[in-house]
Amino acid sequence: MAIRQLRVYTEPELKVRDFAAVEECGDPGVRVSLGDILPLLADAVASDRTWLSDFADDEITISSDLHDVLQAYRHFRRPGA
């Protein structure tokens, strides 16, 4: 009679490049590329997911060049602009 071995499933380990833990100002966080999270956020917005409101007041850090591009985009997408 063969002895069965118990196998425990564990999640695959995350690659360091995918999510890197950071601590700034005592706040633990995760560094991700915009390209990794943008499709998820866009889908959540399009699907009107209620959990988005839980994070509406959270602050994020973006690069200054992305901030400049977003400000210009906001200015030029205004109706009548």
PDB file of N, CA and C in Angstrom:
ATOM      1  N   MET A   1       0.844  -1.173   0.000  1.00  0.00           N
ATOM      2  CA  MET A   1       0.000   0.000   0.000  1.00  0.00           C
ATOM      3  C   MET A   1       0.899   1.250   0.000  1.00  0.00           C
ATOM      4  N   ALA A   2       0.643   2.147  -0.932  1.00  0.00           N
ATOM      5  CA  ALA A   2       1.442   3.364  -1.057  1.00  0.00           C
ATOM      6  C   ALA A   2       1.045   4.385  -0.001  1.00  0.00           C
ATOM      7  N   ILE A   3       2.029   5.056   0.525  1.00  0.00           N
ATOM      8  CA  ILE A   3       1.774   6.108   1.516  1.00  0.00           C
ATOM      9  C   ILE A   3       1.503   7.409   0.762  1.00  0.00           C
ATOM     10  N   ARG A   4       0.400   8.029   1.086  1.00  0.00           N
ATOM     11  CA  ARG A   4       0.059   9.303   0.455  1.00  0.00           C
ATOM     12  C   ARG A   4       0.733  10.442   1.203  1.00  0.00           C
ATOM     13  N   GLN A   5       1.226  11.368   0.454  1.00  0.00           N
ATOM     14  CA  GLN A   5       1.858  12.529   1.061  1.00  0.00           C
ATOM     15  C   GLN A   5       0.932  13.726   0.907  1.00  0.00           C
ATOM     16  N   LEU A   6       0.790  14.462   1.970  1.00  0.00           N
ATOM     17  CA  LEU A   6      -0.034  15.655   1.957  1.00  0.00           C
ATOM     18  C   LEU A   6       0.727  16.781   1.287  1.00  0.00           C
ATOM     19  N   ARG A   7       0.102  17.423   0.327  1.00  0.00           N
ATOM     20  CA  ARG A   7       0.710  18.580  -0.333  1.00  0.00           C
ATOM     21  C   ARG A   7      -0.102  19.819   0.020  1.00  0.00           C
ATOM     22  N   VAL A   8       0.570  20.847   0.434  1.00  0.00           N
ATOM     23  CA  VAL A   8      -0.080  22.098   0.806  1.00  0.00           C
ATOM     24  C   VAL A   8       0.171  23.113  -0.298  1.00  0.00           C
ATOM     25  N   TYR A   9      -0.911  23.684  -0.803  1.00  0.00           N
ATOM     26  CA  TYR A   9      -0.783  24.704  -1.838  1.00  0.00           C
ATOM     27  C   TYR A   9      -0.438  26.028  -1.188  1.00  0.00           C
ATOM     28  N   THR A  10       0.560  26.676  -1.722  1.00  0.00           N
ATOM     29  CA  THR A  10       0.885  28.039  -1.306  1.00  0.00           C
ATOM     30  C   THR A  10       0.882  28.912  -2.546  1.00  0.00           C
ATOM     31  N   GLU A  11       0.589  30.175  -2.353  1.00  0.00           N
ATOM     32  CA  GLU A  11       0.594  31.110  -3.470  1.00  0.00           C
ATOM     33  C   GLU A  11       1.987  31.193  -4.064  1.00  0.00           C
ATOM     34  N   PRO A  12       2.064  31.437  -5.366  1.00  0.00           N
ATOM     35  CA  PRO A  12       3.398  31.630  -5.936  1.00  0.00           C
ATOM     36  C   PRO A  12       4.041  32.869  -5.319  1.00  0.00           C
ATOM     37  N   GLU A  13       5.319  32.808  -5.137  1.00  0.00           N
ATOM     38  CA  GLU A  13       6.022  33.952  -4.556  1.00  0.00           C
ATOM     39  C   GLU A  13       5.994  35.115  -5.525  1.00  0.00           C
ATOM     40  N   LEU A  14       5.766  36.300  -4.991  1.00  0.00           N
ATOM     41  CA  LEU A  14       5.758  37.495  -5.817  1.00  0.00           C
ATOM     42  C   LEU A  14       7.173  37.834  -6.212  1.00  0.00           C
ATOM     43  N   LYS A  15       7.338  38.261  -7.432  1.00  0.00           N
ATOM     44  CA  LYS A  15       8.645  38.689  -7.882  1.00  0.00           C
ATOM     45  C   LYS A  15       8.959  40.035  -7.248  1.00  0.00           C
ATOM     46  N   VAL A  16      10.189  40.241  -6.898  1.00  0.00           N
ATOM     47  CA  VAL A  16      10.593  41.491  -6.253  1.00  0.00           C
ATOM     48  C   VAL A  16      10.285  42.675  -7.149  1.00  0.00           C
ATOM     49  N   ARG A  17      10.406  42.512  -8.466  1.00  0.00           N
ATOM     50  CA  ARG A  17      10.155  43.635  -9.349  1.00  0.00           C
ATOM     51  C   ARG A  17       8.682  43.999  -9.418  1.00  0.00           C
ATOM     52  N   ASP A  18       7.779  43.030  -9.099  1.00  0.00           N
ATOM     53  CA  ASP A  18       6.356  43.304  -9.157  1.00  0.00           C
ATOM     54  C   ASP A  18       5.900  44.195  -8.003  1.00  0.00           C
ATOM     55  N   PHE A  19       6.286  43.825  -6.805  1.00  0.00           N
ATOM     56  CA  PHE A  19       5.885  44.593  -5.639  1.00  0.00           C
ATOM     57  C   PHE A  19       7.073  44.682  -4.689  1.00  0.00           C
ATOM     58  N   ALA A  20       7.502  45.861  -4.413  1.00  0.00           N
ATOM     59  CA  ALA A  20       8.622  46.051  -3.506  1.00  0.00           C
ATOM     60  C   ALA A  20       8.143  46.859  -2.303  1.00  0.00           C
ATOM     61  N   ALA A  21       8.306  46.318  -1.135  1.00  0.00           N
ATOM     62  CA  ALA A  21       7.856  47.007   0.073  1.00  0.00           C
ATOM     63  C   ALA A  21       8.736  48.216   0.321  1.00  0.00           C
ATOM     64  N   VAL A  22       8.107  49.309   0.709  1.00  0.00           N
ATOM     65  CA  VAL A  22       8.836  50.530   1.031  1.00  0.00           C
ATOM     66  C   VAL A  22       8.282  51.112   2.321  1.00  0.00           C
ATOM     67  N   GLU A  23       9.090  51.893   2.962  1.00  0.00           N
ATOM     68  CA  GLU A  23       8.635  52.630   4.129  1.00  0.00           C
ATOM     69  C   GLU A  23       9.112  54.058   4.011  1.00  0.00           C
ATOM     70  N   GLU A  24       8.168  54.954   3.913  1.00  0.00           N
ATOM     71  CA  GLU A  24       8.475  56.381   3.884  1.00  0.00           C
ATOM     72  C   GLU A  24       7.598  57.054   4.916  1.00  0.00           C
ATOM     73  N   CYS A  25       8.169  57.902   5.702  1.00  0.00           N
ATOM     74  CA  CYS A  25       7.439  58.619   6.749  1.00  0.00           C
ATOM     75  C   CYS A  25       6.756  57.647   7.709  1.00  0.00           C
ATOM     76  N   GLY A  26       7.361  56.472   7.936  1.00  0.00           N
ATOM     77  CA  GLY A  26       6.776  55.518   8.863  1.00  0.00           C
ATOM     78  C   GLY A  26       5.588  54.763   8.316  1.00  0.00           C
ATOM     79  N   ASP A  27       5.173  55.028   7.096  1.00  0.00           N
ATOM     80  CA  ASP A  27       4.038  54.346   6.483  1.00  0.00           C
ATOM     81  C   ASP A  27       4.522  53.176   5.651  1.00  0.00           C
ATOM     82  N   PRO A  28       4.118  51.956   5.986  1.00  0.00           N
ATOM     83  CA  PRO A  28       4.496  50.845   5.113  1.00  0.00           C
ATOM     84  C   PRO A  28       3.734  50.959   3.812  1.00  0.00           C
ATOM     85  N   GLY A  29       4.356  50.604   2.732  1.00  0.00           N
ATOM     86  CA  GLY A  29       3.692  50.700   1.441  1.00  0.00           C
ATOM     87  C   GLY A  29       4.274  49.713   0.465  1.00  0.00           C
ATOM     88  N   VAL A  30       3.784  49.769  -0.745  1.00  0.00           N
ATOM     89  CA  VAL A  30       4.235  48.890  -1.805  1.00  0.00           C
ATOM     90  C   VAL A  30       4.490  49.738  -3.037  1.00  0.00           C
ATOM     91  N   ARG A  31       5.625  49.518  -3.682  1.00  0.00           N
ATOM     92  CA  ARG A  31       5.943  50.236  -4.921  1.00  0.00           C
ATOM     93  C   ARG A  31       5.504  49.379  -6.095  1.00  0.00           C
ATOM     94  N   VAL A  32       4.694  49.946  -6.967  1.00  0.00           N
ATOM     95  CA  VAL A  32       4.262  49.253  -8.178  1.00  0.00           C
ATOM     96  C   VAL A  32       4.356  50.218  -9.344  1.00  0.00           C
ATOM     97  N   SER A  33       4.472  49.683 -10.526  1.00  0.00           N
ATOM     98  CA  SER A  33       4.491  50.562 -11.693  1.00  0.00           C
ATOM     99  C   SER A  33       3.055  50.934 -12.040  1.00  0.00           C
ATOM    100  N   LEU A  34       2.907  52.091 -12.615  1.00  0.00           N
ATOM    101  CA  LEU A  34       1.585  52.549 -13.029  1.00  0.00           C
ATOM    102  C   LEU A  34       0.979  51.586 -14.038  1.00  0.00           C
ATOM    103  N   GLY A  35       1.827  51.029 -14.891  1.00  0.00           N
ATOM    104  CA  GLY A  35       1.355  50.069 -15.889  1.00  0.00           C
ATOM    105  C   GLY A  35       0.770  48.808 -15.282  1.00  0.00           C
ATOM    106  N   ASP A  36       1.228  48.445 -14.079  1.00  0.00           N
ATOM    107  CA  ASP A  36       0.690  47.262 -13.407  1.00  0.00           C
ATOM    108  C   ASP A  36      -0.688  47.512 -12.802  1.00  0.00           C
ATOM    109  N   ILE A  37      -0.896  48.703 -12.254  1.00  0.00           N
ATOM    110  CA  ILE A  37      -2.161  48.939 -11.553  1.00  0.00           C
ATOM    111  C   ILE A  37      -3.201  49.695 -12.365  1.00  0.00           C
ATOM    112  N   LEU A  38      -2.776  50.420 -13.390  1.00  0.00           N
ATOM    113  CA  LEU A  38      -3.727  51.219 -14.156  1.00  0.00           C
ATOM    114  C   LEU A  38      -4.869  50.403 -14.756  1.00  0.00           C
ATOM    115  N   PRO A  39      -4.601  49.262 -15.402  1.00  0.00           N
ATOM    116  CA  PRO A  39      -5.726  48.484 -15.939  1.00  0.00           C
ATOM    117  C   PRO A  39      -6.698  48.024 -14.852  1.00  0.00           C
ATOM    118  N   LEU A  40      -6.176  47.696 -13.677  1.00  0.00           N
ATOM    119  CA  LEU A  40      -7.044  47.272 -12.583  1.00  0.00           C
ATOM    120  C   LEU A  40      -7.907  48.420 -12.077  1.00  0.00           C
ATOM    121  N   LEU A  41      -7.286  49.588 -11.921  1.00  0.00           N
ATOM    122  CA  LEU A  41      -8.046  50.750 -11.465  1.00  0.00           C
ATOM    123  C   LEU A  41      -9.070  51.195 -12.498  1.00  0.00           C
ATOM    124  N   ALA A  42      -8.688  51.177 -13.765  1.00  0.00           N
ATOM    125  CA  ALA A  42      -9.621  51.563 -14.829  1.00  0.00           C
ATOM    126  C   ALA A  42     -10.827  50.636 -14.843  1.00  0.00           C
ATOM    127  N   ASP A  43     -10.585  49.341 -14.685  1.00  0.00           N
ATOM    128  CA  ASP A  43     -11.691  48.388 -14.644  1.00  0.00           C
ATOM    129  C   ASP A  43     -12.571  48.620 -13.423  1.00  0.00           C
ATOM    130  N   ALA A  44     -11.951  48.900 -12.279  1.00  0.00           N
ATOM    131  CA  ALA A  44     -12.716  49.149 -11.059  1.00  0.00           C
ATOM    132  C   ALA A  44     -13.575  50.400 -11.192  1.00  0.00           C
ATOM    133  N   VAL A  45     -13.046  51.440 -11.822  1.00  0.00           N
ATOM    134  CA  VAL A  45     -13.822  52.665 -12.039  1.00  0.00           C
ATOM    135  C   VAL A  45     -14.966  52.395 -13.011  1.00  0.00           C
ATOM    136  N   ALA A  46     -14.663  51.718 -14.119  1.00  0.00           N
ATOM    137  CA  ALA A  46     -15.697  51.412 -15.117  1.00  0.00           C
ATOM    138  C   ALA A  46     -16.791  50.520 -14.537  1.00  0.00           C
ATOM    139  N   SER A  47     -16.414  49.647 -13.601  1.00  0.00           N
ATOM    140  CA  SER A  47     -17.379  48.739 -12.972  1.00  0.00           C
ATOM    141  C   SER A  47     -18.046  49.360 -11.755  1.00  0.00           C
ATOM    142  N   ASP A  48     -17.677  50.599 -11.442  1.00  0.00           N
ATOM    143  CA  ASP A  48     -18.239  51.338 -10.308  1.00  0.00           C
ATOM    144  C   ASP A  48     -18.124  50.544  -9.006  1.00  0.00           C
ATOM    145  N   ARG A  49     -16.922  50.051  -8.732  1.00  0.00           N
ATOM    146  CA  ARG A  49     -16.687  49.261  -7.518  1.00  0.00           C
ATOM    147  C   ARG A  49     -16.749  50.154  -6.289  1.00  0.00           C
ATOM    148  N   THR A  50     -17.512  49.746  -5.306  1.00  0.00           N
ATOM    149  CA  THR A  50     -17.705  50.570  -4.112  1.00  0.00           C
ATOM    150  C   THR A  50     -16.453  50.672  -3.258  1.00  0.00           C
ATOM    151  N   TRP A  51     -15.560  49.680  -3.330  1.00  0.00           N
ATOM    152  CA  TRP A  51     -14.359  49.725  -2.496  1.00  0.00           C
ATOM    153  C   TRP A  51     -13.444  50.877  -2.876  1.00  0.00           C
ATOM    154  N   LEU A  52     -13.609  51.445  -4.069  1.00  0.00           N
ATOM    155  CA  LEU A  52     -12.780  52.590  -4.452  1.00  0.00           C
ATOM    156  C   LEU A  52     -12.971  53.769  -3.499  1.00  0.00           C
ATOM    157  N   SER A  53     -14.182  53.938  -3.008  1.00  0.00           N
ATOM    158  CA  SER A  53     -14.451  55.063  -2.097  1.00  0.00           C
ATOM    159  C   SER A  53     -13.681  54.912  -0.782  1.00  0.00           C
ATOM    160  N   ASP A  54     -13.326  53.682  -0.418  1.00  0.00           N
ATOM    161  CA  ASP A  54     -12.545  53.474   0.805  1.00  0.00           C
ATOM    162  C   ASP A  54     -11.172  54.125   0.712  1.00  0.00           C
ATOM    163  N   PHE A  55     -10.667  54.299  -0.503  1.00  0.00           N
ATOM    164  CA  PHE A  55      -9.321  54.825  -0.705  1.00  0.00           C
ATOM    165  C   PHE A  55      -9.317  56.235  -1.306  1.00  0.00           C
ATOM    166  N   ALA A  56     -10.474  56.836  -1.424  1.00  0.00           N
ATOM    167  CA  ALA A  56     -10.583  58.140  -2.087  1.00  0.00           C
ATOM    168  C   ALA A  56      -9.758  59.229  -1.410  1.00  0.00           C
ATOM    169  N   ASP A  57      -9.570  59.151  -0.110  1.00  0.00           N
ATOM    170  CA  ASP A  57      -8.819  60.184   0.611  1.00  0.00           C
ATOM    171  C   ASP A  57      -7.352  59.810   0.822  1.00  0.00           C
ATOM    172  N   ASP A  58      -6.944  58.637   0.360  1.00  0.00           N
ATOM    173  CA  ASP A  58      -5.542  58.227   0.492  1.00  0.00           C
ATOM    174  C   ASP A  58      -4.664  59.075  -0.425  1.00  0.00           C
ATOM    175  N   GLU A  59      -3.481  59.396   0.055  1.00  0.00           N
ATOM    176  CA  GLU A  59      -2.533  60.148  -0.766  1.00  0.00           C
ATOM    177  C   GLU A  59      -1.578  59.180  -1.434  1.00  0.00           C
ATOM    178  N   ILE A  60      -1.180  59.508  -2.649  1.00  0.00           N
ATOM    179  CA  ILE A  60      -0.191  58.715  -3.365  1.00  0.00           C
ATOM    180  C   ILE A  60       0.938  59.639  -3.790  1.00  0.00           C
ATOM    181  N   THR A  61       2.071  59.072  -4.097  1.00  0.00           N
ATOM    182  CA  THR A  61       3.206  59.847  -4.576  1.00  0.00           C
ATOM    183  C   THR A  61       3.417  59.526  -6.045  1.00  0.00           C
ATOM    184  N   ILE A  62       3.480  60.562  -6.871  1.00  0.00           N
ATOM    185  CA  ILE A  62       3.737  60.387  -8.299  1.00  0.00           C
ATOM    186  C   ILE A  62       4.922  61.257  -8.682  1.00  0.00           C
ATOM    187  N   SER A  63       5.511  60.951  -9.806  1.00  0.00           N
ATOM    188  CA  SER A  63       6.653  61.751 -10.255  1.00  0.00           C
ATOM    189  C   SER A  63       6.164  63.133 -10.697  1.00  0.00           C
ATOM    190  N   SER A  64       7.061  64.097 -10.654  1.00  0.00           N
ATOM    191  CA  SER A  64       6.678  65.467 -11.017  1.00  0.00           C
ATOM    192  C   SER A  64       6.325  65.572 -12.496  1.00  0.00           C
ATOM    193  N   ASP A  65       6.979  64.797 -13.358  1.00  0.00           N
ATOM    194  CA  ASP A  65       6.631  64.877 -14.780  1.00  0.00           C
ATOM    195  C   ASP A  65       5.247  64.293 -15.040  1.00  0.00           C
ATOM    196  N   LEU A  66       4.869  63.223 -14.338  1.00  0.00           N
ATOM    197  CA  LEU A  66       3.503  62.702 -14.478  1.00  0.00           C
ATOM    198  C   LEU A  66       2.495  63.722 -13.974  1.00  0.00           C
ATOM    199  N   HIS A  67       2.819  64.397 -12.880  1.00  0.00           N
ATOM    200  CA  HIS A  67       1.932  65.440 -12.349  1.00  0.00           C
ATOM    201  C   HIS A  67       1.724  66.549 -13.378  1.00  0.00           C
ATOM    202  N   ASP A  68       2.789  66.983 -14.020  1.00  0.00           N
ATOM    203  CA  ASP A  68       2.680  68.027 -15.042  1.00  0.00           C
ATOM    204  C   ASP A  68       1.791  67.586 -16.206  1.00  0.00           C
ATOM    205  N   VAL A  69       1.975  66.347 -16.643  1.00  0.00           N
ATOM    206  CA  VAL A  69       1.168  65.829 -17.751  1.00  0.00           C
ATOM    207  C   VAL A  69      -0.308  65.756 -17.343  1.00  0.00           C
ATOM    208  N   LEU A  70      -0.580  65.293 -16.136  1.00  0.00           N
ATOM    209  CA  LEU A  70      -1.965  65.207 -15.674  1.00  0.00           C
ATOM    210  C   LEU A  70      -2.609  66.583 -15.539  1.00  0.00           C
ATOM    211  N   GLN A  71      -1.842  67.558 -15.069  1.00  0.00           N
ATOM    212  CA  GLN A  71      -2.375  68.921 -14.962  1.00  0.00           C
ATOM    213  C   GLN A  71      -2.708  69.478 -16.347  1.00  0.00           C
ATOM    214  N   ALA A  72      -1.824  69.268 -17.309  1.00  0.00           N
ATOM    215  CA  ALA A  72      -2.095  69.732 -18.678  1.00  0.00           C
ATOM    216  C   ALA A  72      -3.312  69.019 -19.249  1.00  0.00           C
ATOM    217  N   TYR A  73      -3.415  67.729 -19.011  1.00  0.00           N
ATOM    218  CA  TYR A  73      -4.560  66.964 -19.501  1.00  0.00           C
ATOM    219  C   TYR A  73      -5.855  67.483 -18.888  1.00  0.00           C
ATOM    220  N   ARG A  74      -5.821  67.758 -17.592  1.00  0.00           N
ATOM    221  CA  ARG A  74      -7.013  68.295 -16.913  1.00  0.00           C
ATOM    222  C   ARG A  74      -7.420  69.628 -17.536  1.00  0.00           C
ATOM    223  N   HIS A  75      -6.446  70.477 -17.833  1.00  0.00           N
ATOM    224  CA  HIS A  75      -6.728  71.788 -18.404  1.00  0.00           C
ATOM    225  C   HIS A  75      -7.355  71.683 -19.802  1.00  0.00           C
ATOM    226  N   PHE A  76      -6.812  70.819 -20.631  1.00  0.00           N
ATOM    227  CA  PHE A  76      -7.267  70.743 -22.013  1.00  0.00           C
ATOM    228  C   PHE A  76      -8.491  69.876 -22.224  1.00  0.00           C
ATOM    229  N   ARG A  77      -8.907  69.109 -21.241  1.00  0.00           N
ATOM    230  CA  ARG A  77     -10.113  68.304 -21.415  1.00  0.00           C
ATOM    231  C   ARG A  77     -11.354  68.994 -20.886  1.00  0.00           C
ATOM    232  N   ARG A  78     -11.195  70.182 -20.343  1.00  0.00           N
ATOM    233  CA  ARG A  78     -12.344  70.934 -19.860  1.00  0.00           C
ATOM    234  C   ARG A  78     -13.267  71.252 -21.016  1.00  0.00           C
ATOM    235  N   PRO A  79     -14.581  71.200 -20.774  1.00  0.00           N
ATOM    236  CA  PRO A  79     -15.514  71.593 -21.833  1.00  0.00           C
ATOM    237  C   PRO A  79     -15.296  73.051 -22.228  1.00  0.00           C
ATOM    238  N   GLY A  80     -15.282  73.301 -23.490  1.00  0.00           N
ATOM    239  CA  GLY A  80     -15.098  74.659 -24.004  1.00  0.00           C
ATOM    240  C   GLY A  80     -13.664  75.088 -24.085  1.00  0.00           C
ATOM    241  N   ALA A  81     -12.730  74.213 -23.764  1.00  0.00           N
ATOM    242  CA  ALA A  81     -11.307  74.583 -23.816  1.00  0.00           C
ATOM    243  C   ALA A  81     -10.790  74.464 -25.234  1.00  0.00           C
TER     244      ALA A  81
END
